[in-house]
N, C-alpha and C. Protein backbone atom coordinates (compact mmCIF):
# COMPACT_ATOMS: atom_id res chain seq x y z
N MET A 1 17.89 9.80 -4.21
CA MET A 1 17.34 9.63 -2.89
C MET A 1 15.97 10.28 -2.81
N LYS A 2 15.07 9.64 -2.12
CA LYS A 2 13.72 10.17 -1.95
C LYS A 2 13.74 11.37 -1.01
N SER A 3 12.89 12.34 -1.31
CA SER A 3 12.79 13.50 -0.42
C SER A 3 11.34 13.77 -0.01
N ASN A 4 10.45 12.84 -0.33
CA ASN A 4 9.04 12.98 0.01
C ASN A 4 8.64 11.94 1.06
N LEU A 5 7.63 12.29 1.83
CA LEU A 5 6.99 11.35 2.75
C LEU A 5 5.54 11.21 2.33
N ALA A 6 5.00 10.03 2.49
CA ALA A 6 3.59 9.80 2.20
C ALA A 6 2.97 9.12 3.41
N ILE A 7 1.85 9.66 3.85
CA ILE A 7 1.14 9.12 4.99
C ILE A 7 -0.13 8.43 4.49
N VAL A 8 -0.24 7.13 4.78
CA VAL A 8 -1.46 6.38 4.46
C VAL A 8 -1.94 5.74 5.75
N GLY A 9 -3.16 5.28 5.76
CA GLY A 9 -3.72 4.62 6.93
C GLY A 9 -5.22 4.59 6.82
N THR A 10 -5.86 4.05 7.83
CA THR A 10 -7.29 3.87 7.76
C THR A 10 -8.08 5.15 8.06
N SER A 11 -7.43 6.15 8.62
CA SER A 11 -8.12 7.39 8.97
C SER A 11 -7.58 8.57 8.16
N SER A 12 -8.39 9.05 7.23
CA SER A 12 -7.97 10.22 6.44
C SER A 12 -7.68 11.42 7.34
N LYS A 13 -8.50 11.58 8.37
CA LYS A 13 -8.32 12.70 9.29
C LYS A 13 -6.96 12.62 9.99
N LEU A 14 -6.61 11.45 10.51
CA LEU A 14 -5.33 11.27 11.18
C LEU A 14 -4.18 11.44 10.19
N ASN A 15 -4.33 10.89 9.00
CA ASN A 15 -3.28 11.04 7.98
C ASN A 15 -3.01 12.52 7.72
N ASN A 16 -4.07 13.30 7.57
CA ASN A 16 -3.92 14.73 7.30
C ASN A 16 -3.32 15.47 8.49
N GLU A 17 -3.81 15.17 9.69
CA GLU A 17 -3.28 15.85 10.88
C GLU A 17 -1.79 15.57 11.06
N CYS A 18 -1.38 14.33 10.87
CA CYS A 18 0.05 13.99 10.97
C CYS A 18 0.85 14.64 9.86
N GLY A 19 0.30 14.62 8.65
CA GLY A 19 0.99 15.25 7.53
C GLY A 19 1.23 16.73 7.74
N ILE A 20 0.21 17.42 8.22
CA ILE A 20 0.33 18.86 8.48
C ILE A 20 1.37 19.12 9.57
N ALA A 21 1.31 18.34 10.66
CA ALA A 21 2.26 18.53 11.75
C ALA A 21 3.69 18.22 11.32
N LEU A 22 3.87 17.15 10.56
CA LEU A 22 5.21 16.80 10.08
C LEU A 22 5.76 17.87 9.14
N ALA A 23 4.92 18.33 8.23
CA ALA A 23 5.36 19.36 7.28
C ALA A 23 5.78 20.64 8.00
N ALA A 24 5.02 21.02 9.02
CA ALA A 24 5.36 22.21 9.78
C ALA A 24 6.69 22.02 10.52
N GLU A 25 6.86 20.87 11.14
CA GLU A 25 8.08 20.61 11.90
C GLU A 25 9.31 20.51 11.00
N LEU A 26 9.14 19.87 9.85
CA LEU A 26 10.27 19.68 8.92
C LEU A 26 10.44 20.85 7.96
N GLU A 27 9.50 21.77 8.00
CA GLU A 27 9.51 22.95 7.13
C GLU A 27 9.57 22.55 5.65
N ILE A 28 8.66 21.64 5.29
CA ILE A 28 8.53 21.24 3.89
C ILE A 28 7.07 21.36 3.47
N ASN A 29 6.80 21.13 2.21
CA ASN A 29 5.46 21.27 1.66
C ASN A 29 4.52 20.17 2.15
N TYR A 30 3.25 20.49 2.21
CA TYR A 30 2.21 19.53 2.58
C TYR A 30 1.14 19.52 1.50
N MET A 31 0.65 18.31 1.18
CA MET A 31 -0.44 18.22 0.22
C MET A 31 -1.38 17.09 0.60
N ASP A 32 -2.65 17.43 0.69
CA ASP A 32 -3.71 16.43 0.87
C ASP A 32 -4.01 15.89 -0.53
N TYR A 33 -3.86 14.59 -0.71
CA TYR A 33 -4.01 14.01 -2.04
C TYR A 33 -5.43 14.20 -2.60
N SER A 34 -6.43 14.18 -1.74
CA SER A 34 -7.80 14.41 -2.21
C SER A 34 -7.94 15.83 -2.76
N GLU A 35 -7.35 16.79 -2.07
CA GLU A 35 -7.37 18.17 -2.58
C GLU A 35 -6.59 18.28 -3.89
N TYR A 36 -5.53 17.51 -4.00
CA TYR A 36 -4.74 17.49 -5.24
C TYR A 36 -5.59 16.95 -6.40
N ILE A 37 -6.36 15.90 -6.15
CA ILE A 37 -7.26 15.35 -7.17
C ILE A 37 -8.29 16.41 -7.57
N GLU A 38 -8.81 17.13 -6.59
CA GLU A 38 -9.77 18.20 -6.89
C GLU A 38 -9.12 19.27 -7.77
N TYR A 39 -7.89 19.59 -7.50
CA TYR A 39 -7.15 20.56 -8.30
C TYR A 39 -6.97 20.06 -9.74
N LEU A 40 -6.57 18.80 -9.87
CA LEU A 40 -6.33 18.23 -11.20
C LEU A 40 -7.61 18.13 -12.03
N THR A 41 -8.72 17.80 -11.36
CA THR A 41 -9.98 17.58 -12.09
C THR A 41 -10.89 18.80 -12.10
N LEU A 42 -10.53 19.81 -11.32
CA LEU A 42 -11.36 21.02 -11.18
C LEU A 42 -12.78 20.66 -10.72
N SER A 43 -12.85 19.66 -9.83
CA SER A 43 -14.13 19.22 -9.32
C SER A 43 -13.95 18.70 -7.89
N LYS A 44 -14.97 18.83 -7.09
CA LYS A 44 -14.95 18.32 -5.72
C LYS A 44 -15.04 16.79 -5.71
N ILE A 45 -14.37 16.18 -4.75
CA ILE A 45 -14.40 14.72 -4.61
C ILE A 45 -15.84 14.24 -4.47
N SER A 46 -16.64 14.94 -3.68
CA SER A 46 -18.03 14.53 -3.47
C SER A 46 -18.82 14.53 -4.77
N ILE A 47 -18.54 15.48 -5.64
CA ILE A 47 -19.23 15.55 -6.93
C ILE A 47 -18.77 14.42 -7.85
N ILE A 48 -17.48 14.15 -7.87
CA ILE A 48 -16.94 13.06 -8.69
C ILE A 48 -17.56 11.74 -8.24
N GLU A 49 -17.58 11.52 -6.92
CA GLU A 49 -18.13 10.27 -6.39
C GLU A 49 -19.62 10.15 -6.69
N GLU A 50 -20.35 11.25 -6.54
CA GLU A 50 -21.79 11.23 -6.81
C GLU A 50 -22.07 10.96 -8.28
N LYS A 51 -21.27 11.55 -9.13
CA LYS A 51 -21.50 11.45 -10.58
C LYS A 51 -21.06 10.10 -11.15
N PHE A 52 -19.90 9.59 -10.67
CA PHE A 52 -19.32 8.39 -11.27
C PHE A 52 -19.28 7.16 -10.36
N GLY A 53 -19.46 7.36 -9.05
CA GLY A 53 -19.44 6.25 -8.11
C GLY A 53 -18.09 6.07 -7.44
N LYS A 54 -18.12 5.32 -6.34
CA LYS A 54 -16.90 5.10 -5.54
C LYS A 54 -15.82 4.37 -6.33
N GLU A 55 -16.20 3.39 -7.11
CA GLU A 55 -15.20 2.60 -7.84
C GLU A 55 -14.45 3.46 -8.86
N GLU A 56 -15.16 4.30 -9.56
CA GLU A 56 -14.49 5.20 -10.53
C GLU A 56 -13.61 6.22 -9.82
N LEU A 57 -14.04 6.67 -8.64
CA LEU A 57 -13.21 7.59 -7.87
C LEU A 57 -11.92 6.89 -7.45
N ARG A 58 -12.01 5.64 -7.00
CA ARG A 58 -10.81 4.88 -6.63
C ARG A 58 -9.87 4.73 -7.83
N LYS A 59 -10.44 4.46 -8.99
CA LYS A 59 -9.63 4.35 -10.20
C LYS A 59 -8.92 5.66 -10.51
N LEU A 60 -9.63 6.76 -10.35
CA LEU A 60 -9.04 8.08 -10.58
C LEU A 60 -7.88 8.33 -9.63
N TYR A 61 -8.07 8.00 -8.35
CA TYR A 61 -6.98 8.13 -7.37
C TYR A 61 -5.76 7.35 -7.84
N SER A 62 -5.98 6.13 -8.29
CA SER A 62 -4.86 5.29 -8.74
C SER A 62 -4.21 5.83 -10.00
N GLN A 63 -5.01 6.26 -10.95
CA GLN A 63 -4.49 6.77 -12.23
C GLN A 63 -3.61 8.00 -12.05
N LYS A 64 -3.91 8.82 -11.09
CA LYS A 64 -3.19 10.09 -10.92
C LYS A 64 -1.97 9.98 -10.01
N LEU A 65 -1.73 8.82 -9.42
CA LEU A 65 -0.62 8.68 -8.48
C LEU A 65 0.73 9.04 -9.08
N SER A 66 0.97 8.66 -10.31
CA SER A 66 2.28 8.95 -10.91
C SER A 66 2.53 10.44 -11.07
N SER A 67 1.49 11.25 -11.01
CA SER A 67 1.68 12.69 -11.19
C SER A 67 2.37 13.35 -10.00
N ILE A 68 2.47 12.64 -8.87
CA ILE A 68 3.18 13.23 -7.72
C ILE A 68 4.68 13.00 -7.80
N ASN A 69 5.12 12.21 -8.77
CA ASN A 69 6.55 11.88 -8.87
C ASN A 69 7.44 13.08 -9.14
N GLY A 70 6.91 14.17 -9.65
CA GLY A 70 7.73 15.34 -9.92
C GLY A 70 7.95 16.23 -8.71
N TYR A 71 7.32 15.91 -7.61
CA TYR A 71 7.46 16.74 -6.41
C TYR A 71 8.67 16.32 -5.59
N SER A 72 9.19 17.25 -4.81
CA SER A 72 10.26 16.94 -3.87
C SER A 72 10.03 17.72 -2.59
N ASP A 73 10.63 17.25 -1.53
CA ASP A 73 10.51 17.90 -0.22
C ASP A 73 9.06 18.17 0.14
N SER A 74 8.25 17.13 0.03
CA SER A 74 6.82 17.26 0.29
C SER A 74 6.31 16.10 1.13
N ILE A 75 5.23 16.37 1.84
CA ILE A 75 4.51 15.33 2.55
C ILE A 75 3.12 15.24 1.94
N PHE A 76 2.74 14.03 1.57
CA PHE A 76 1.43 13.78 1.01
C PHE A 76 0.62 12.96 2.01
N ALA A 77 -0.60 13.37 2.24
CA ALA A 77 -1.51 12.59 3.08
C ALA A 77 -2.59 12.03 2.16
N PHE A 78 -2.83 10.74 2.28
CA PHE A 78 -3.75 10.05 1.40
C PHE A 78 -5.03 9.66 2.13
N ALA A 79 -6.10 9.55 1.38
CA ALA A 79 -7.37 9.09 1.92
C ALA A 79 -7.21 7.69 2.48
N GLY A 80 -8.06 7.35 3.41
CA GLY A 80 -7.95 6.08 4.11
C GLY A 80 -7.88 4.84 3.24
N GLY A 81 -8.55 4.82 2.12
CA GLY A 81 -8.61 3.64 1.28
C GLY A 81 -7.32 3.23 0.61
N VAL A 82 -6.36 4.13 0.49
CA VAL A 82 -5.11 3.80 -0.19
C VAL A 82 -4.39 2.65 0.50
N CYS A 83 -4.51 2.56 1.82
CA CYS A 83 -3.78 1.52 2.55
C CYS A 83 -4.33 0.12 2.27
N PHE A 84 -5.42 0.01 1.57
CA PHE A 84 -5.97 -1.29 1.21
C PHE A 84 -5.40 -1.80 -0.12
N ASN A 85 -4.69 -0.95 -0.84
CA ASN A 85 -4.24 -1.29 -2.18
C ASN A 85 -2.72 -1.33 -2.26
N ALA A 86 -2.17 -2.54 -2.26
CA ALA A 86 -0.71 -2.70 -2.29
C ALA A 86 -0.10 -2.13 -3.56
N ALA A 87 -0.80 -2.23 -4.68
CA ALA A 87 -0.26 -1.70 -5.95
C ALA A 87 -0.12 -0.19 -5.88
N ASP A 88 -1.12 0.50 -5.33
CA ASP A 88 -1.03 1.95 -5.19
C ASP A 88 0.10 2.33 -4.25
N CYS A 89 0.24 1.60 -3.16
CA CYS A 89 1.32 1.90 -2.21
C CYS A 89 2.69 1.68 -2.84
N ALA A 90 2.81 0.70 -3.72
CA ALA A 90 4.07 0.47 -4.41
C ALA A 90 4.41 1.66 -5.32
N VAL A 91 3.42 2.21 -6.01
CA VAL A 91 3.65 3.38 -6.86
C VAL A 91 4.08 4.57 -6.01
N ILE A 92 3.40 4.78 -4.90
CA ILE A 92 3.75 5.89 -4.01
C ILE A 92 5.17 5.72 -3.48
N ALA A 93 5.52 4.49 -3.09
CA ALA A 93 6.83 4.21 -2.50
C ALA A 93 7.97 4.39 -3.49
N ASP A 94 7.68 4.43 -4.78
CA ASP A 94 8.72 4.70 -5.77
C ASP A 94 9.34 6.08 -5.56
N ASP A 95 8.55 7.01 -5.05
CA ASP A 95 9.02 8.39 -4.96
C ASP A 95 8.94 8.97 -3.55
N ALA A 96 8.41 8.21 -2.59
CA ALA A 96 8.24 8.75 -1.24
C ALA A 96 8.45 7.64 -0.21
N TYR A 97 8.96 8.03 0.94
CA TYR A 97 9.00 7.11 2.06
C TYR A 97 7.57 6.99 2.58
N LEU A 98 7.10 5.79 2.64
CA LEU A 98 5.71 5.53 2.98
C LEU A 98 5.58 5.18 4.47
N ILE A 99 4.67 5.88 5.14
CA ILE A 99 4.39 5.63 6.54
C ILE A 99 2.91 5.28 6.65
N CYS A 100 2.63 4.12 7.22
CA CYS A 100 1.25 3.67 7.37
C CYS A 100 0.84 3.81 8.83
N LEU A 101 -0.25 4.52 9.05
CA LEU A 101 -0.82 4.72 10.38
C LEU A 101 -2.10 3.91 10.47
N SER A 102 -2.13 2.95 11.38
CA SER A 102 -3.32 2.11 11.45
C SER A 102 -3.44 1.43 12.80
N PRO A 103 -4.66 1.34 13.30
CA PRO A 103 -4.88 0.58 14.52
C PRO A 103 -5.22 -0.88 14.22
N SER A 104 -5.02 -1.30 13.00
CA SER A 104 -5.46 -2.64 12.62
C SER A 104 -4.43 -3.33 11.73
N ARG A 105 -4.78 -4.50 11.28
CA ARG A 105 -3.88 -5.29 10.43
C ARG A 105 -3.95 -4.87 8.96
N VAL A 106 -4.78 -3.90 8.63
CA VAL A 106 -4.97 -3.48 7.23
C VAL A 106 -3.64 -3.18 6.56
N CYS A 107 -2.79 -2.45 7.25
CA CYS A 107 -1.53 -2.04 6.64
C CYS A 107 -0.55 -3.18 6.44
N SER A 108 -0.82 -4.34 7.01
CA SER A 108 0.08 -5.47 6.79
C SER A 108 0.12 -5.84 5.31
N LYS A 109 -0.94 -5.50 4.59
CA LYS A 109 -0.98 -5.77 3.15
C LYS A 109 0.03 -4.92 2.38
N VAL A 110 0.41 -3.79 2.93
CA VAL A 110 1.30 -2.87 2.22
C VAL A 110 2.62 -2.67 2.95
N ALA A 111 2.85 -3.42 4.02
CA ALA A 111 4.01 -3.22 4.88
C ALA A 111 5.34 -3.31 4.13
N ALA A 112 5.41 -4.14 3.11
CA ALA A 112 6.66 -4.30 2.37
C ALA A 112 7.15 -3.01 1.74
N ASN A 113 6.23 -2.11 1.45
CA ASN A 113 6.60 -0.83 0.82
C ASN A 113 6.78 0.31 1.83
N CYS A 114 6.63 0.01 3.12
CA CYS A 114 6.60 1.07 4.12
C CYS A 114 7.93 1.24 4.86
N LEU A 115 8.28 2.47 5.10
CA LEU A 115 9.38 2.79 6.00
C LEU A 115 8.96 2.42 7.42
N ALA A 116 7.68 2.66 7.73
CA ALA A 116 7.16 2.35 9.06
C ALA A 116 5.67 2.04 8.98
N VAL A 117 5.26 1.08 9.79
CA VAL A 117 3.85 0.82 10.03
C VAL A 117 3.65 1.09 11.52
N ILE A 118 2.88 2.11 11.82
CA ILE A 118 2.72 2.54 13.20
C ILE A 118 1.31 2.22 13.68
N ASP A 119 1.25 1.43 14.73
CA ASP A 119 -0.03 1.09 15.35
C ASP A 119 -0.49 2.33 16.12
N THR A 120 -1.60 2.89 15.74
CA THR A 120 -2.09 4.13 16.34
C THR A 120 -3.09 3.92 17.47
N LYS A 121 -3.43 2.67 17.74
CA LYS A 121 -4.45 2.39 18.75
C LYS A 121 -4.01 2.94 20.11
N ASP A 122 -4.90 3.72 20.71
CA ASP A 122 -4.69 4.29 22.05
C ASP A 122 -3.47 5.20 22.15
N LYS A 123 -3.05 5.80 21.03
CA LYS A 123 -1.90 6.71 21.05
C LYS A 123 -2.37 8.11 20.69
N ASN A 124 -1.76 9.10 21.33
CA ASN A 124 -2.08 10.48 20.97
C ASN A 124 -1.17 10.94 19.83
N MET A 125 -1.47 12.10 19.30
CA MET A 125 -0.74 12.62 18.15
C MET A 125 0.76 12.75 18.43
N ASN A 126 1.13 13.25 19.61
CA ASN A 126 2.55 13.43 19.92
C ASN A 126 3.30 12.11 19.93
N THR A 127 2.69 11.07 20.45
CA THR A 127 3.33 9.76 20.47
C THR A 127 3.51 9.23 19.05
N ILE A 128 2.52 9.40 18.23
CA ILE A 128 2.60 8.96 16.83
C ILE A 128 3.70 9.72 16.11
N LEU A 129 3.72 11.03 16.28
CA LEU A 129 4.75 11.85 15.63
C LEU A 129 6.15 11.47 16.12
N ASP A 130 6.29 11.20 17.42
CA ASP A 130 7.59 10.78 17.95
C ASP A 130 8.06 9.49 17.28
N GLU A 131 7.14 8.55 17.08
CA GLU A 131 7.51 7.30 16.42
C GLU A 131 7.93 7.55 14.97
N ILE A 132 7.24 8.45 14.30
CA ILE A 132 7.62 8.78 12.92
C ILE A 132 9.01 9.41 12.89
N PHE A 133 9.26 10.35 13.79
CA PHE A 133 10.58 10.99 13.83
C PHE A 133 11.67 9.99 14.18
N ASP A 134 11.37 9.02 15.05
CA ASP A 134 12.35 7.97 15.35
C ASP A 134 12.71 7.21 14.07
N LYS A 135 11.70 6.85 13.28
CA LYS A 135 11.95 6.12 12.02
C LYS A 135 12.75 6.97 11.04
N LEU A 136 12.42 8.26 10.97
CA LEU A 136 13.18 9.15 10.09
C LEU A 136 14.63 9.28 10.56
N GLY A 137 14.82 9.30 11.88
CA GLY A 137 16.18 9.35 12.43
C GLY A 137 16.97 8.10 12.09
N GLU A 138 16.31 6.95 12.18
CA GLU A 138 16.98 5.70 11.79
C GLU A 138 17.35 5.71 10.32
N LEU A 139 16.46 6.24 9.51
CA LEU A 139 16.72 6.34 8.07
C LEU A 139 17.93 7.22 7.80
N ALA A 140 18.00 8.37 8.46
CA ALA A 140 19.11 9.29 8.27
C ALA A 140 20.44 8.67 8.73
N THR A 141 20.39 7.90 9.79
CA THR A 141 21.59 7.25 10.32
C THR A 141 22.10 6.18 9.37
N ASN A 142 21.17 5.48 8.72
CA ASN A 142 21.54 4.38 7.83
C ASN A 142 21.97 4.82 6.45
N GLU A 143 21.69 6.05 6.08
CA GLU A 143 22.04 6.49 4.70
C GLU A 143 23.31 7.27 4.66
């Protein structure tokens, strides 16, 4: 059974804010995936992007995804671009319940791998978190 949650969506800031709040409420670990990449590479994301370009940075994000499979009881927040890549979301969903936060149709591309796709348009953080907890409650009831 999966014990991780992964937050993806079009807003890295919202993904991180929700991830931090969820981790605090559930009393589990939190990790910003961009910070994790910086840890693995011993380099800042901005430096990697400047040196190698956006495309190589995206490839690096994808290449390192399998390294989160050893974690448990954690929430990962991903940079906004992950929700555009169904293959990356499928890898993440192998080990984590995937929640997509988006005010647009972008996440429809990855919806098949998601526990929930939450429309964030005109919603405050508490409303978004309540919807996530509702989905987690449904999951717990069904298992």
